[in-house]
PDB file of all heavy atoms in Angstrom:
ATOM      1  N   PHE A   1      13.237  -6.940  -6.150  1.00  0.00           N
ATOM      2  CA  PHE A   1      11.955  -7.610  -6.374  1.00  0.00           C
ATOM      3  C   PHE A   1      11.202  -6.956  -7.533  1.00  0.00           C
ATOM      4  O   PHE A   1      10.693  -7.639  -8.418  1.00  0.00           O
ATOM      5  CB  PHE A   1      11.124  -7.564  -5.093  1.00  0.00           C
ATOM      6  CG  PHE A   1       9.730  -8.073  -5.269  1.00  0.00           C
ATOM      7  CD1 PHE A   1       9.485  -9.430  -5.355  1.00  0.00           C
ATOM      8  CD2 PHE A   1       8.662  -7.196  -5.367  1.00  0.00           C
ATOM      9  CE1 PHE A   1       8.186  -9.908  -5.533  1.00  0.00           C
ATOM     10  CE2 PHE A   1       7.372  -7.659  -5.535  1.00  0.00           C
ATOM     11  CZ  PHE A   1       7.128  -9.016  -5.617  1.00  0.00           C
ATOM     12  N   CYS A   2      11.146  -5.640  -7.516  1.00  0.00           N
ATOM     13  CA  CYS A   2      10.425  -4.918  -8.580  1.00  0.00           C
ATOM     14  C   CYS A   2      11.078  -5.141  -9.940  1.00  0.00           C
ATOM     15  O   CYS A   2      10.382  -5.293 -10.948  1.00  0.00           O
ATOM     16  CB  CYS A   2      10.345  -3.437  -8.255  1.00  0.00           C
ATOM     17  SG  CYS A   2       9.274  -3.084  -6.842  1.00  0.00           S
ATOM     18  N   ALA A   3      12.411  -5.177  -9.965  1.00  0.00           N
ATOM     19  CA  ALA A   3      13.122  -5.441 -11.218  1.00  0.00           C
ATOM     20  C   ALA A   3      12.744  -6.824 -11.748  1.00  0.00           C
ATOM     21  O   ALA A   3      12.527  -7.003 -12.958  1.00  0.00           O
ATOM     22  CB  ALA A   3      14.625  -5.328 -11.014  1.00  0.00           C
ATOM     23  N   LYS A   4      12.650  -7.799 -10.851  1.00  0.00           N
ATOM     24  CA  LYS A   4      12.268  -9.157 -11.262  1.00  0.00           C
ATOM     25  C   LYS A   4      10.840  -9.169 -11.795  1.00  0.00           C
ATOM     26  O   LYS A   4      10.545  -9.824 -12.793  1.00  0.00           O
ATOM     27  CB  LYS A   4      12.412 -10.130 -10.080  1.00  0.00           C
ATOM     28  CG  LYS A   4      12.148 -11.563 -10.442  1.00  0.00           C
ATOM     29  CD  LYS A   4      13.137 -12.036 -11.484  1.00  0.00           C
ATOM     30  CE  LYS A   4      12.835 -13.436 -11.951  1.00  0.00           C
ATOM     31  NZ  LYS A   4      13.672 -13.824 -13.089  1.00  0.00           N
ATOM     32  N   CYS A   5       9.949  -8.432 -11.127  1.00  0.00           N
ATOM     33  CA  CYS A   5       8.560  -8.351 -11.595  1.00  0.00           C
ATOM     34  C   CYS A   5       8.488  -7.752 -12.990  1.00  0.00           C
ATOM     35  O   CYS A   5       7.765  -8.263 -13.857  1.00  0.00           O
ATOM     36  CB  CYS A   5       7.713  -7.519 -10.628  1.00  0.00           C
ATOM     37  SG  CYS A   5       7.459  -8.311  -9.033  1.00  0.00           S
ATOM     38  N   CYS A   6       9.243  -6.676 -13.223  1.00  0.00           N
ATOM     39  CA  CYS A   6       9.258  -6.043 -14.546  1.00  0.00           C
ATOM     40  C   CYS A   6       9.821  -7.004 -15.587  1.00  0.00           C
ATOM     41  O   CYS A   6       9.321  -7.071 -16.712  1.00  0.00           O
ATOM     42  CB  CYS A   6      10.059  -4.751 -14.510  1.00  0.00           C
ATOM     43  SG  CYS A   6       9.218  -3.418 -13.619  1.00  0.00           S
ATOM     44  N   GLU A   7      10.829  -7.760 -15.196  1.00  0.00           N
ATOM     45  CA  GLU A   7      11.418  -8.773 -16.078  1.00  0.00           C
ATOM     46  C   GLU A   7      10.372  -9.823 -16.472  1.00  0.00           C
ATOM     47  O   GLU A   7      10.384 -10.336 -17.587  1.00  0.00           O
ATOM     48  CB  GLU A   7      12.585  -9.434 -15.338  1.00  0.00           C
ATOM     49  CG  GLU A   7      13.377 -10.430 -16.133  1.00  0.00           C
ATOM     50  CD  GLU A   7      14.487 -11.028 -15.286  1.00  0.00           C
ATOM     51  OE1 GLU A   7      15.276 -10.260 -14.699  1.00  0.00           O
ATOM     52  OE2 GLU A   7      14.548 -12.274 -15.195  1.00  0.00           O
ATOM     53  N   LEU A   8       9.457 -10.111 -15.559  1.00  0.00           N
ATOM     54  CA  LEU A   8       8.395 -11.093 -15.810  1.00  0.00           C
ATOM     55  C   LEU A   8       7.220 -10.485 -16.582  1.00  0.00           C
ATOM     56  O   LEU A   8       6.267 -11.185 -16.906  1.00  0.00           O
ATOM     57  CB  LEU A   8       7.882 -11.657 -14.484  1.00  0.00           C
ATOM     58  CG  LEU A   8       8.872 -12.486 -13.678  1.00  0.00           C
ATOM     59  CD1 LEU A   8       8.324 -12.755 -12.288  1.00  0.00           C
ATOM     60  CD2 LEU A   8       9.189 -13.785 -14.403  1.00  0.00           C
ATOM     61  N   GLY A   9       7.286  -9.166 -16.823  1.00  0.00           N
ATOM     62  CA  GLY A   9       6.226  -8.513 -17.577  1.00  0.00           C
ATOM     63  C   GLY A   9       5.168  -7.828 -16.727  1.00  0.00           C
ATOM     64  O   GLY A   9       4.121  -7.431 -17.233  1.00  0.00           O
ATOM     65  N   TYR A  10       5.442  -7.683 -15.440  1.00  0.00           N
ATOM     66  CA  TYR A  10       4.511  -7.022 -14.534  1.00  0.00           C
ATOM     67  C   TYR A  10       5.082  -5.656 -14.154  1.00  0.00           C
ATOM     68  O   TYR A  10       6.159  -5.589 -13.559  1.00  0.00           O
ATOM     69  CB  TYR A  10       4.292  -7.854 -13.263  1.00  0.00           C
ATOM     70  CG  TYR A  10       3.633  -9.169 -13.518  1.00  0.00           C
ATOM     71  CD1 TYR A  10       4.377 -10.342 -13.599  1.00  0.00           C
ATOM     72  CD2 TYR A  10       2.258  -9.248 -13.682  1.00  0.00           C
ATOM     73  CE1 TYR A  10       3.769 -11.561 -13.828  1.00  0.00           C
ATOM     74  CE2 TYR A  10       1.645 -10.467 -13.910  1.00  0.00           C
ATOM     75  CZ  TYR A  10       2.403 -11.617 -13.984  1.00  0.00           C
ATOM     76  OH  TYR A  10       1.799 -12.819 -14.217  1.00  0.00           O
ATOM     77  N   PRO A  11       4.379  -4.583 -14.467  1.00  0.00           N
ATOM     78  CA  PRO A  11       4.885  -3.251 -14.136  1.00  0.00           C
ATOM     79  C   PRO A  11       4.724  -2.938 -12.644  1.00  0.00           C
ATOM     80  O   PRO A  11       3.751  -2.322 -12.219  1.00  0.00           O
ATOM     81  CB  PRO A  11       4.015  -2.324 -14.994  1.00  0.00           C
ATOM     82  CG  PRO A  11       2.719  -3.066 -15.136  1.00  0.00           C
ATOM     83  CD  PRO A  11       3.093  -4.525 -15.158  1.00  0.00           C
ATOM     84  N   VAL A  12       5.670  -3.400 -11.852  1.00  0.00           N
ATOM     85  CA  VAL A  12       5.642  -3.184 -10.408  1.00  0.00           C
ATOM     86  C   VAL A  12       6.855  -2.325 -10.048  1.00  0.00           C
ATOM     87  O   VAL A  12       7.988  -2.678 -10.387  1.00  0.00           O
ATOM     88  CB  VAL A  12       5.708  -4.528  -9.641  1.00  0.00           C
ATOM     89  CG1 VAL A  12       5.808  -4.306  -8.149  1.00  0.00           C
ATOM     90  CG2 VAL A  12       4.502  -5.382  -9.977  1.00  0.00           C
ATOM     91  N   TYR A  13       6.583  -1.213  -9.390  1.00  0.00           N
ATOM     92  CA  TYR A  13       7.648  -0.290  -9.000  1.00  0.00           C
ATOM     93  C   TYR A  13       7.591  -0.050  -7.502  1.00  0.00           C
ATOM     94  O   TYR A  13       6.542  -0.220  -6.873  1.00  0.00           O
ATOM     95  CB  TYR A  13       7.508   1.023  -9.782  1.00  0.00           C
ATOM     96  CG  TYR A  13       7.526   0.774 -11.267  1.00  0.00           C
ATOM     97  CD1 TYR A  13       6.345   0.736 -11.991  1.00  0.00           C
ATOM     98  CD2 TYR A  13       8.720   0.524 -11.933  1.00  0.00           C
ATOM     99  CE1 TYR A  13       6.353   0.472 -13.351  1.00  0.00           C
ATOM    100  CE2 TYR A  13       8.744   0.262 -13.294  1.00  0.00           C
ATOM    101  CZ  TYR A  13       7.551   0.228 -13.994  1.00  0.00           C
ATOM    102  OH  TYR A  13       7.566  -0.041 -15.340  1.00  0.00           O
ATOM    103  N   GLU A  14       8.725   0.364  -6.942  1.00  0.00           N
ATOM    104  CA  GLU A  14       8.848   0.513  -5.498  1.00  0.00           C
ATOM    105  C   GLU A  14       7.720   1.355  -4.902  1.00  0.00           C
ATOM    106  O   GLU A  14       7.095   0.960  -3.919  1.00  0.00           O
ATOM    107  CB  GLU A  14      10.196   1.147  -5.125  1.00  0.00           C
ATOM    108  CG  GLU A  14      11.385   0.252  -5.374  1.00  0.00           C
ATOM    109  CD  GLU A  14      12.013   0.478  -6.752  1.00  0.00           C
ATOM    110  OE1 GLU A  14      11.324   0.986  -7.672  1.00  0.00           O
ATOM    111  OE2 GLU A  14      13.191   0.127  -6.905  1.00  0.00           O
ATOM    112  N   MET A  15       7.472   2.504  -5.475  1.00  0.00           N
ATOM    113  CA  MET A  15       6.462   3.399  -4.912  1.00  0.00           C
ATOM    114  C   MET A  15       5.055   2.805  -5.017  1.00  0.00           C
ATOM    115  O   MET A  15       4.208   3.093  -4.178  1.00  0.00           O
ATOM    116  CB  MET A  15       6.517   4.773  -5.563  1.00  0.00           C
ATOM    117  CG  MET A  15       7.699   5.602  -5.093  1.00  0.00           C
ATOM    118  SD  MET A  15       7.930   5.690  -3.290  1.00  0.00           S
ATOM    119  CE  MET A  15       6.417   6.425  -2.744  1.00  0.00           C
ATOM    120  N   ASP A  16       4.805   1.974  -6.019  1.00  0.00           N
ATOM    121  CA  ASP A  16       3.505   1.305  -6.118  1.00  0.00           C
ATOM    122  C   ASP A  16       3.293   0.384  -4.922  1.00  0.00           C
ATOM    123  O   ASP A  16       2.217   0.370  -4.319  1.00  0.00           O
ATOM    124  CB  ASP A  16       3.406   0.469  -7.396  1.00  0.00           C
ATOM    125  CG  ASP A  16       3.421   1.306  -8.656  1.00  0.00           C
ATOM    126  OD1 ASP A  16       3.019   2.486  -8.600  1.00  0.00           O
ATOM    127  OD2 ASP A  16       3.832   0.768  -9.703  1.00  0.00           O
ATOM    128  N   VAL A  17       4.316  -0.379  -4.585  1.00  0.00           N
ATOM    129  CA  VAL A  17       4.224  -1.333  -3.482  1.00  0.00           C
ATOM    130  C   VAL A  17       4.089  -0.586  -2.152  1.00  0.00           C
ATOM    131  O   VAL A  17       3.242  -0.918  -1.320  1.00  0.00           O
ATOM    132  CB  VAL A  17       5.451  -2.275  -3.457  1.00  0.00           C
ATOM    133  CG1 VAL A  17       5.395  -3.215  -2.259  1.00  0.00           C
ATOM    134  CG2 VAL A  17       5.527  -3.076  -4.750  1.00  0.00           C
ATOM    135  N   ILE A  18       4.897   0.459  -1.975  1.00  0.00           N
ATOM    136  CA  ILE A  18       4.853   1.236  -0.733  1.00  0.00           C
ATOM    137  C   ILE A  18       3.504   1.929  -0.586  1.00  0.00           C
ATOM    138  O   ILE A  18       2.879   1.879   0.476  1.00  0.00           O
ATOM    139  CB  ILE A  18       6.006   2.257  -0.708  1.00  0.00           C
ATOM    140  CG1 ILE A  18       7.343   1.516  -0.603  1.00  0.00           C
ATOM    141  CG2 ILE A  18       5.834   3.254   0.436  1.00  0.00           C
ATOM    142  CD1 ILE A  18       8.555   2.374  -0.875  1.00  0.00           C
ATOM    143  N   ALA A  19       3.044   2.576  -1.662  1.00  0.00           N
ATOM    144  CA  ALA A  19       1.769   3.301  -1.608  1.00  0.00           C
ATOM    145  C   ALA A  19       0.602   2.355  -1.341  1.00  0.00           C
ATOM    146  O   ALA A  19      -0.306   2.685  -0.583  1.00  0.00           O
ATOM    147  CB  ALA A  19       1.539   4.071  -2.902  1.00  0.00           C
ATOM    148  N   ALA A  20       0.623   1.177  -1.939  1.00  0.00           N
ATOM    149  CA  ALA A  20      -0.458   0.211  -1.727  1.00  0.00           C
ATOM    150  C   ALA A  20      -0.526  -0.195  -0.259  1.00  0.00           C
ATOM    151  O   ALA A  20      -1.610  -0.293   0.315  1.00  0.00           O
ATOM    152  CB  ALA A  20      -0.266  -1.010  -2.617  1.00  0.00           C
ATOM    153  N   GLY A  21       0.625  -0.408   0.355  1.00  0.00           N
ATOM    154  CA  GLY A  21       0.651  -0.767   1.767  1.00  0.00           C
ATOM    155  C   GLY A  21       0.150   0.366   2.646  1.00  0.00           C
ATOM    156  O   GLY A  21      -0.623   0.156   3.583  1.00  0.00           O
ATOM    157  N   GLU A  22       0.558   1.585   2.324  1.00  0.00           N
ATOM    158  CA  GLU A  22       0.123   2.739   3.111  1.00  0.00           C
ATOM    159  C   GLU A  22      -1.374   2.985   2.954  1.00  0.00           C
ATOM    160  O   GLU A  22      -2.055   3.326   3.916  1.00  0.00           O
ATOM    161  CB  GLU A  22       0.917   3.979   2.714  1.00  0.00           C
ATOM    162  CG  GLU A  22       2.360   3.910   3.191  1.00  0.00           C
ATOM    163  CD  GLU A  22       3.191   5.092   2.740  1.00  0.00           C
ATOM    164  OE1 GLU A  22       2.705   5.943   1.969  1.00  0.00           O
ATOM    165  OE2 GLU A  22       4.358   5.154   3.165  1.00  0.00           O
ATOM    166  N   GLU A  23      -1.875   2.823   1.735  1.00  0.00           N
ATOM    167  CA  GLU A  23      -3.312   3.005   1.499  1.00  0.00           C
ATOM    168  C   GLU A  23      -4.129   1.971   2.259  1.00  0.00           C
ATOM    169  O   GLU A  23      -5.170   2.286   2.835  1.00  0.00           O
ATOM    170  CB  GLU A  23      -3.615   2.935   0.005  1.00  0.00           C
ATOM    171  CG  GLU A  23      -3.116   4.135  -0.768  1.00  0.00           C
ATOM    172  CD  GLU A  23      -3.194   3.947  -2.269  1.00  0.00           C
ATOM    173  OE1 GLU A  23      -3.826   2.971  -2.740  1.00  0.00           O
ATOM    174  OE2 GLU A  23      -2.613   4.775  -2.983  1.00  0.00           O
ATOM    175  N   SER A  24      -3.644   0.742   2.264  1.00  0.00           N
ATOM    176  CA  SER A  24      -4.331  -0.322   2.984  1.00  0.00           C
ATOM    177  C   SER A  24      -4.344  -0.029   4.483  1.00  0.00           C
ATOM    178  O   SER A  24      -5.368  -0.176   5.150  1.00  0.00           O
ATOM    179  CB  SER A  24      -3.638  -1.659   2.708  1.00  0.00           C
ATOM    180  OG  SER A  24      -4.195  -2.679   3.473  1.00  0.00           O
ATOM    181  N   TYR A  25      -3.223   0.411   5.012  1.00  0.00           N
ATOM    182  CA  TYR A  25      -3.114   0.736   6.434  1.00  0.00           C
ATOM    183  C   TYR A  25      -4.045   1.904   6.780  1.00  0.00           C
ATOM    184  O   TYR A  25      -4.755   1.864   7.777  1.00  0.00           O
ATOM    185  CB  TYR A  25      -1.670   1.080   6.780  1.00  0.00           C
ATOM    186  CG  TYR A  25      -1.463   1.426   8.229  1.00  0.00           C
ATOM    187  CD1 TYR A  25      -1.407   0.434   9.194  1.00  0.00           C
ATOM    188  CD2 TYR A  25      -1.315   2.750   8.627  1.00  0.00           C
ATOM    189  CE1 TYR A  25      -1.214   0.743  10.531  1.00  0.00           C
ATOM    190  CE2 TYR A  25      -1.119   3.065   9.959  1.00  0.00           C
ATOM    191  CZ  TYR A  25      -1.065   2.065  10.908  1.00  0.00           C
ATOM    192  OH  TYR A  25      -0.877   2.377  12.223  1.00  0.00           O
ATOM    193  N   ALA A  26      -4.056   2.922   5.942  1.00  0.00           N
ATOM    194  CA  ALA A  26      -4.908   4.093   6.183  1.00  0.00           C
ATOM    195  C   ALA A  26      -6.382   3.695   6.170  1.00  0.00           C
ATOM    196  O   ALA A  26      -7.173   4.176   6.990  1.00  0.00           O
ATOM    197  CB  ALA A  26      -4.634   5.170   5.147  1.00  0.00           C
ATOM    198  N   ALA A  27      -6.767   2.814   5.259  1.00  0.00           N
ATOM    199  CA  ALA A  27      -8.161   2.361   5.191  1.00  0.00           C
ATOM    200  C   ALA A  27      -8.542   1.606   6.468  1.00  0.00           C
ATOM    201  O   ALA A  27      -9.642   1.777   6.998  1.00  0.00           O
ATOM    202  CB  ALA A  27      -8.377   1.482   3.964  1.00  0.00           C
ATOM    203  N   MET A  28      -7.622   0.788   6.974  1.00  0.00           N
ATOM    204  CA  MET A  28      -7.894   0.063   8.215  1.00  0.00           C
ATOM    205  C   MET A  28      -8.014   1.036   9.386  1.00  0.00           C
ATOM    206  O   MET A  28      -8.887   0.885  10.235  1.00  0.00           O
ATOM    207  CB  MET A  28      -6.792  -0.964   8.501  1.00  0.00           C
ATOM    208  CG  MET A  28      -6.876  -2.192   7.632  1.00  0.00           C
ATOM    209  SD  MET A  28      -5.728  -3.482   8.140  1.00  0.00           S
ATOM    210  CE  MET A  28      -4.158  -2.761   7.733  1.00  0.00           C
ATOM    211  N   ARG A  29      -7.158   2.044   9.424  1.00  0.00           N
ATOM    212  CA  ARG A  29      -7.224   3.042  10.501  1.00  0.00           C
ATOM    213  C   ARG A  29      -8.556   3.782  10.478  1.00  0.00           C
ATOM    214  O   ARG A  29      -9.161   4.021  11.506  1.00  0.00           O
ATOM    215  CB  ARG A  29      -6.106   4.085  10.366  1.00  0.00           C
ATOM    216  CG  ARG A  29      -4.754   3.714  10.852  1.00  0.00           C
ATOM    217  CD  ARG A  29      -4.659   3.705  12.325  1.00  0.00           C
ATOM    218  NE  ARG A  29      -4.839   5.033  12.921  1.00  0.00           N
ATOM    219  CZ  ARG A  29      -4.284   5.412  14.014  1.00  0.00           C
ATOM    220  NH1 ARG A  29      -3.476   4.598  14.636  1.00  0.00           N
ATOM    221  NH2 ARG A  29      -4.522   6.586  14.535  1.00  0.00           N
ATOM    222  N   ARG A  30      -8.992   4.155   9.273  1.00  0.00           N
ATOM    223  CA  ARG A  30     -10.258   4.878   9.152  1.00  0.00           C
ATOM    224  C   ARG A  30     -11.435   4.019   9.586  1.00  0.00           C
ATOM    225  O   ARG A  30     -12.443   4.536  10.037  1.00  0.00           O
ATOM    226  CB  ARG A  30     -10.468   5.346   7.712  1.00  0.00           C
ATOM    227  CG  ARG A  30      -9.608   6.524   7.330  1.00  0.00           C
ATOM    228  CD  ARG A  30     -10.038   7.095   5.994  1.00  0.00           C
ATOM    229  NE  ARG A  30      -9.982   6.144   4.913  1.00  0.00           N
ATOM    230  CZ  ARG A  30      -8.921   5.873   4.159  1.00  0.00           C
ATOM    231  NH1 ARG A  30      -7.780   6.489   4.396  1.00  0.00           N
ATOM    232  NH2 ARG A  30      -8.973   5.011   3.179  1.00  0.00           N
ATOM    233  N   SER A  31     -11.309   2.718   9.456  1.00  0.00           N
ATOM    234  CA  SER A  31     -12.435   1.840   9.766  1.00  0.00           C
ATOM    235  C   SER A  31     -12.551   1.532  11.261  1.00  0.00           C
ATOM    236  O   SER A  31     -13.527   0.934  11.682  1.00  0.00           O
ATOM    237  CB  SER A  31     -12.319   0.535   8.988  1.00  0.00           C
ATOM    238  OG  SER A  31     -11.272  -0.258   9.494  1.00  0.00           O
ATOM    239  N   THR A  32     -11.577   1.939  12.060  1.00  0.00           N
ATOM    240  CA  THR A  32     -11.630   1.670  13.494  1.00  0.00           C
ATOM    241  C   THR A  32     -12.024   2.921  14.258  1.00  0.00           C
ATOM    242  O   THR A  32     -11.375   3.952  14.148  1.00  0.00           O
ATOM    243  CB  THR A  32     -10.276   1.162  14.022  1.00  0.00           C
ATOM    244  OG1 THR A  32      -9.280   2.140  13.755  1.00  0.00           O
ATOM    245  CG2 THR A  32      -9.894  -0.155  13.378  1.00  0.00           C
ATOM    246  N   ASN A  33     -13.088   2.849  15.014  1.00  0.00           N
ATOM    247  CA  ASN A  33     -13.553   3.958  15.853  1.00  0.00           C
ATOM    248  C   ASN A  33     -13.649   5.274  15.100  1.00  0.00           C
ATOM    249  O   ASN A  33     -13.261   6.311  15.607  1.00  0.00           O
ATOM    250  CB  ASN A  33     -12.645   4.137  17.069  1.00  0.00           C
ATOM    251  CG  ASN A  33     -12.799   3.013  18.040  1.00  0.00           C
ATOM    252  OD1 ASN A  33     -13.798   2.298  18.038  1.00  0.00           O
ATOM    253  ND2 ASN A  33     -11.805   2.829  18.886  1.00  0.00           N
ATOM    254  N   GLY A  34     -14.096   5.256  13.900  1.00  0.00           N
ATOM    255  CA  GLY A  34     -14.274   6.479  13.137  1.00  0.00           C
ATOM    256  C   GLY A  34     -13.008   7.007  12.506  1.00  0.00           C
ATOM    257  O   GLY A  34     -13.027   7.971  11.760  1.00  0.00           O
ATOM    258  N   GLY A  35     -11.886   6.400  12.777  1.00  0.00           N
ATOM    259  CA  GLY A  35     -10.639   6.758  12.121  1.00  0.00           C
ATOM    260  C   GLY A  35     -10.008   8.056  12.563  1.00  0.00           C
ATOM    261  O   GLY A  35      -9.126   8.569  11.911  1.00  0.00           O
ATOM    262  N   GLY A  36     -10.445   8.614  13.657  1.00  0.00           N
ATOM    263  CA  GLY A  36      -9.856   9.860  14.133  1.00  0.00           C
ATOM    264  C   GLY A  36      -8.495   9.646  14.768  1.00  0.00           C
ATOM    265  O   GLY A  36      -7.961   8.545  14.785  1.00  0.00           O
ATOM    266  N   GLU A  37      -7.964  10.714  15.314  1.00  0.00           N
ATOM    267  CA  GLU A  37      -6.651  10.641  15.949  1.00  0.00           C
ATOM    268  C   GLU A  37      -6.638   9.686  17.126  1.00  0.00           C
ATOM    269  O   GLU A  37      -5.597   9.176  17.508  1.00  0.00           O
ATOM    270  CB  GLU A  37      -6.220  12.022  16.410  1.00  0.00           C
ATOM    271  CG  GLU A  37      -5.838  12.934  15.280  1.00  0.00           C
ATOM    272  CD  GLU A  37      -5.357  14.284  15.774  1.00  0.00           C
ATOM    273  OE1 GLU A  37      -4.912  14.372  16.937  1.00  0.00           O
ATOM    274  OE2 GLU A  37      -5.428  15.232  15.007  1.00  0.00           O
ATOM    275  N   LYS A  38      -7.797   9.437  17.717  1.00  0.00           N
ATOM    276  CA  LYS A  38      -7.851   8.567  18.888  1.00  0.00           C
ATOM    277  C   LYS A  38      -8.112   7.112  18.525  1.00  0.00           C
ATOM    278  O   LYS A  38      -8.365   6.290  19.388  1.00  0.00           O
ATOM    279  CB  LYS A  38      -8.906   9.075  19.863  1.00  0.00           C
ATOM    280  CG  LYS A  38      -8.542  10.429  20.413  1.00  0.00           C
ATOM    281  CD  LYS A  38      -9.510  10.918  21.423  1.00  0.00           C
ATOM    282  CE  LYS A  38      -9.020  12.289  21.861  1.00  0.00           C
ATOM    283  NZ  LYS A  38      -9.833  12.926  22.809  1.00  0.00           N
ATOM    284  N   SER A  39      -8.043   6.801  17.235  1.00  0.00           N
ATOM    285  CA  SER A  39      -8.196   5.413  16.818  1.00  0.00           C
ATOM    286  C   SER A  39      -7.049   4.602  17.405  1.00  0.00           C
ATOM    287  O   SER A  39      -5.931   5.102  17.532  1.00  0.00           O
ATOM    288  CB  SER A  39      -8.139   5.291  15.292  1.00  0.00           C
ATOM    289  OG  SER A  39      -9.261   5.872  14.718  1.00  0.00           O
TER     290      SER A  39
END
């Protein structure tokens, strides 16, 4: 998928996609019940 994106002129790399998903998940976790371990 990333190779196809680069072919189309979009600089998308595996770690960018993975990191974006993890960052989004972490932000959602932090937003629930204060984001502590007991979230």
